[in-house]
C-alpha atoms as a PDB file:
ATOM      1  CA  UNK A   1       0.000   0.000   0.000  1.00  0.00           C
ATOM      2  CA  UNK A   2       1.233   3.490  -0.877  1.00  0.00           C
ATOM      3  CA  UNK A   3      -0.051   7.040  -0.632  1.00  0.00           C
ATOM      4  CA  UNK A   4       0.127   7.403  -4.401  1.00  0.00           C
ATOM      5  CA  UNK A   5      -2.749   9.380  -5.878  1.00  0.00           C
ATOM      6  CA  UNK A   6      -4.558   7.391  -8.549  1.00  0.00           C
ATOM      7  CA  UNK A   7      -6.162   9.695 -11.125  1.00  0.00           C
ATOM      8  CA  UNK A   8      -9.820   8.939 -11.578  1.00  0.00           C
ATOM      9  CA  UNK A   9     -10.262   7.122  -8.257  1.00  0.00           C
ATOM     10  CA  UNK A  10     -12.312   9.972  -6.755  1.00  0.00           C
ATOM     11  CA  UNK A  11     -14.543  10.106  -9.823  1.00  0.00           C
ATOM     12  CA  UNK A  12     -15.048   6.335  -9.678  1.00  0.00           C
ATOM     13  CA  UNK A  13     -15.986   6.521  -5.991  1.00  0.00           C
ATOM     14  CA  UNK A  14     -18.422   9.448  -6.335  1.00  0.00           C
ATOM     15  CA  UNK A  15     -21.520   7.354  -7.146  1.00  0.00           C
ATOM     16  CA  UNK A  16     -20.925   5.247  -4.034  1.00  0.00           C
ATOM     17  CA  UNK A  17     -20.961   8.224  -1.645  1.00  0.00           C
ATOM     18  CA  UNK A  18     -24.171   9.054   0.254  1.00  0.00           C
ATOM     19  CA  UNK A  19     -26.082  12.044  -1.079  1.00  0.00           C
ATOM     20  CA  UNK A  20     -26.669  13.372   2.445  1.00  0.00           C
ATOM     21  CA  UNK A  21     -23.014  14.174   3.167  1.00  0.00           C
ATOM     22  CA  UNK A  22     -20.710  16.718   1.522  1.00  0.00           C
ATOM     23  CA  UNK A  23     -18.315  15.187  -0.966  1.00  0.00           C
ATOM     24  CA  UNK A  24     -14.731  16.241  -0.278  1.00  0.00           C
ATOM     25  CA  UNK A  25     -11.836  15.513  -2.626  1.00  0.00           C
ATOM     26  CA  UNK A  26      -8.966  15.167  -0.202  1.00  0.00           C
ATOM     27  CA  UNK A  27      -6.065  14.614  -2.570  1.00  0.00           C
ATOM     28  CA  UNK A  28      -4.877  14.948  -6.137  1.00  0.00           C
ATOM     29  CA  UNK A  29      -6.535  18.266  -6.992  1.00  0.00           C
ATOM     30  CA  UNK A  30      -3.724  20.290  -8.493  1.00  0.00           C
ATOM     31  CA  UNK A  31      -5.084  21.728 -11.738  1.00  0.00           C
ATOM     32  CA  UNK A  32      -8.215  23.534 -12.900  1.00  0.00           C
ATOM     33  CA  UNK A  33      -8.995  20.507 -15.068  1.00  0.00           C
ATOM     34  CA  UNK A  34      -8.900  18.169 -12.057  1.00  0.00           C
ATOM     35  CA  UNK A  35     -11.184  20.537 -10.115  1.00  0.00           C
ATOM     36  CA  UNK A  36     -13.650  20.671 -13.002  1.00  0.00           C
ATOM     37  CA  UNK A  37     -13.701  16.888 -13.346  1.00  0.00           C
ATOM     38  CA  UNK A  38     -14.375  16.402  -9.636  1.00  0.00           C
ATOM     39  CA  UNK A  39     -17.004  19.142  -9.479  1.00  0.00           C
ATOM     40  CA  UNK A  40     -18.772  17.547 -12.439  1.00  0.00           C
ATOM     41  CA  UNK A  41     -18.715  14.242 -10.523  1.00  0.00           C
ATOM     42  CA  UNK A  42     -20.491  15.912  -7.602  1.00  0.00           C
ATOM     43  CA  UNK A  43     -17.675  16.891  -5.275  1.00  0.00           C
ATOM     44  CA  UNK A  44     -18.400  20.106  -3.393  1.00  0.00           C
ATOM     45  CA  UNK A  45     -15.078  20.693  -1.636  1.00  0.00           C
ATOM     46  CA  UNK A  46     -11.430  20.012  -2.410  1.00  0.00           C
ATOM     47  CA  UNK A  47      -8.173  20.263  -0.532  1.00  0.00           C
ATOM     48  CA  UNK A  48      -5.626  22.057  -2.705  1.00  0.00           C
ATOM     49  CA  UNK A  49      -2.918  23.118  -0.235  1.00  0.00           C
ATOM     50  CA  UNK A  50      -0.154  21.087  -1.839  1.00  0.00           C
ATOM     51  CA  UNK A  51      -0.911  22.528  -5.262  1.00  0.00           C
ATOM     52  CA  UNK A  52      -0.878  26.066  -3.872  1.00  0.00           C
ATOM     53  CA  UNK A  53       2.461  25.493  -2.127  1.00  0.00           C
ATOM     54  CA  UNK A  54       4.048  24.331  -5.399  1.00  0.00           C
ATOM     55  CA  UNK A  55       2.486  26.994  -7.642  1.00  0.00           C
ATOM     56  CA  UNK A  56       4.631  29.914  -8.832  1.00  0.00           C
ATOM     57  CA  UNK A  57       1.606  32.186  -8.286  1.00  0.00           C
ATOM     58  CA  UNK A  58      -0.842  30.597  -5.829  1.00  0.00           C
ATOM     59  CA  UNK A  59      -3.454  33.346  -6.295  1.00  0.00           C
ATOM     60  CA  UNK A  60      -3.636  32.697 -10.028  1.00  0.00           C
ATOM     61  CA  UNK A  61      -3.942  28.936  -9.511  1.00  0.00           C
ATOM     62  CA  UNK A  62      -6.612  29.396  -6.838  1.00  0.00           C
ATOM     63  CA  UNK A  63      -8.658  31.645  -9.134  1.00  0.00           C
ATOM     64  CA  UNK A  64      -8.385  29.177 -12.004  1.00  0.00           C
ATOM     65  CA  UNK A  65      -9.368  26.201  -9.817  1.00  0.00           C
ATOM     66  CA  UNK A  66     -12.369  28.055  -8.375  1.00  0.00           C
ATOM     67  CA  UNK A  67     -13.529  29.204 -11.808  1.00  0.00           C
ATOM     68  CA  UNK A  68     -13.192  25.711 -13.299  1.00  0.00           C
ATOM     69  CA  UNK A  69     -15.027  24.073 -10.409  1.00  0.00           C
ATOM     70  CA  UNK A  70     -17.854  26.604 -10.471  1.00  0.00           C
ATOM     71  CA  UNK A  71     -18.270  26.321 -14.223  1.00  0.00           C
ATOM     72  CA  UNK A  72     -18.397  22.528 -14.037  1.00  0.00           C
ATOM     73  CA  UNK A  73     -20.990  22.587 -11.240  1.00  0.00           C
ATOM     74  CA  UNK A  74     -23.137  25.058 -13.160  1.00  0.00           C
ATOM     75  CA  UNK A  75     -22.921  22.743 -16.156  1.00  0.00           C
ATOM     76  CA  UNK A  76     -24.502  19.959 -14.113  1.00  0.00           C
ATOM     77  CA  UNK A  77     -27.349  22.168 -12.862  1.00  0.00           C
ATOM     78  CA  UNK A  78     -25.889  23.057  -9.477  1.00  0.00           C
ATOM     79  CA  UNK A  79     -24.448  26.203  -8.026  1.00  0.00           C
ATOM     80  CA  UNK A  80     -21.250  26.555  -6.117  1.00  0.00           C
ATOM     81  CA  UNK A  81     -20.722  29.390  -3.655  1.00  0.00           C
END
């Protein structure tokens, strides 16, 4: 067993999560594309600290991740605050 992040694992698990609890992506969210994919799968929250620590301009990355996630959630009929 390792702590390796497996792309797509969170998306594959999304349908198995209860609707009554917030869906939190706790690893592997480091690009706007990853945020959009997870938001489209129903995730409402994501931990992105590692990505921000590595980014040359964390504010730019944060803005891009938020915009991508919000756009993806709007595309599936939901809103994201």
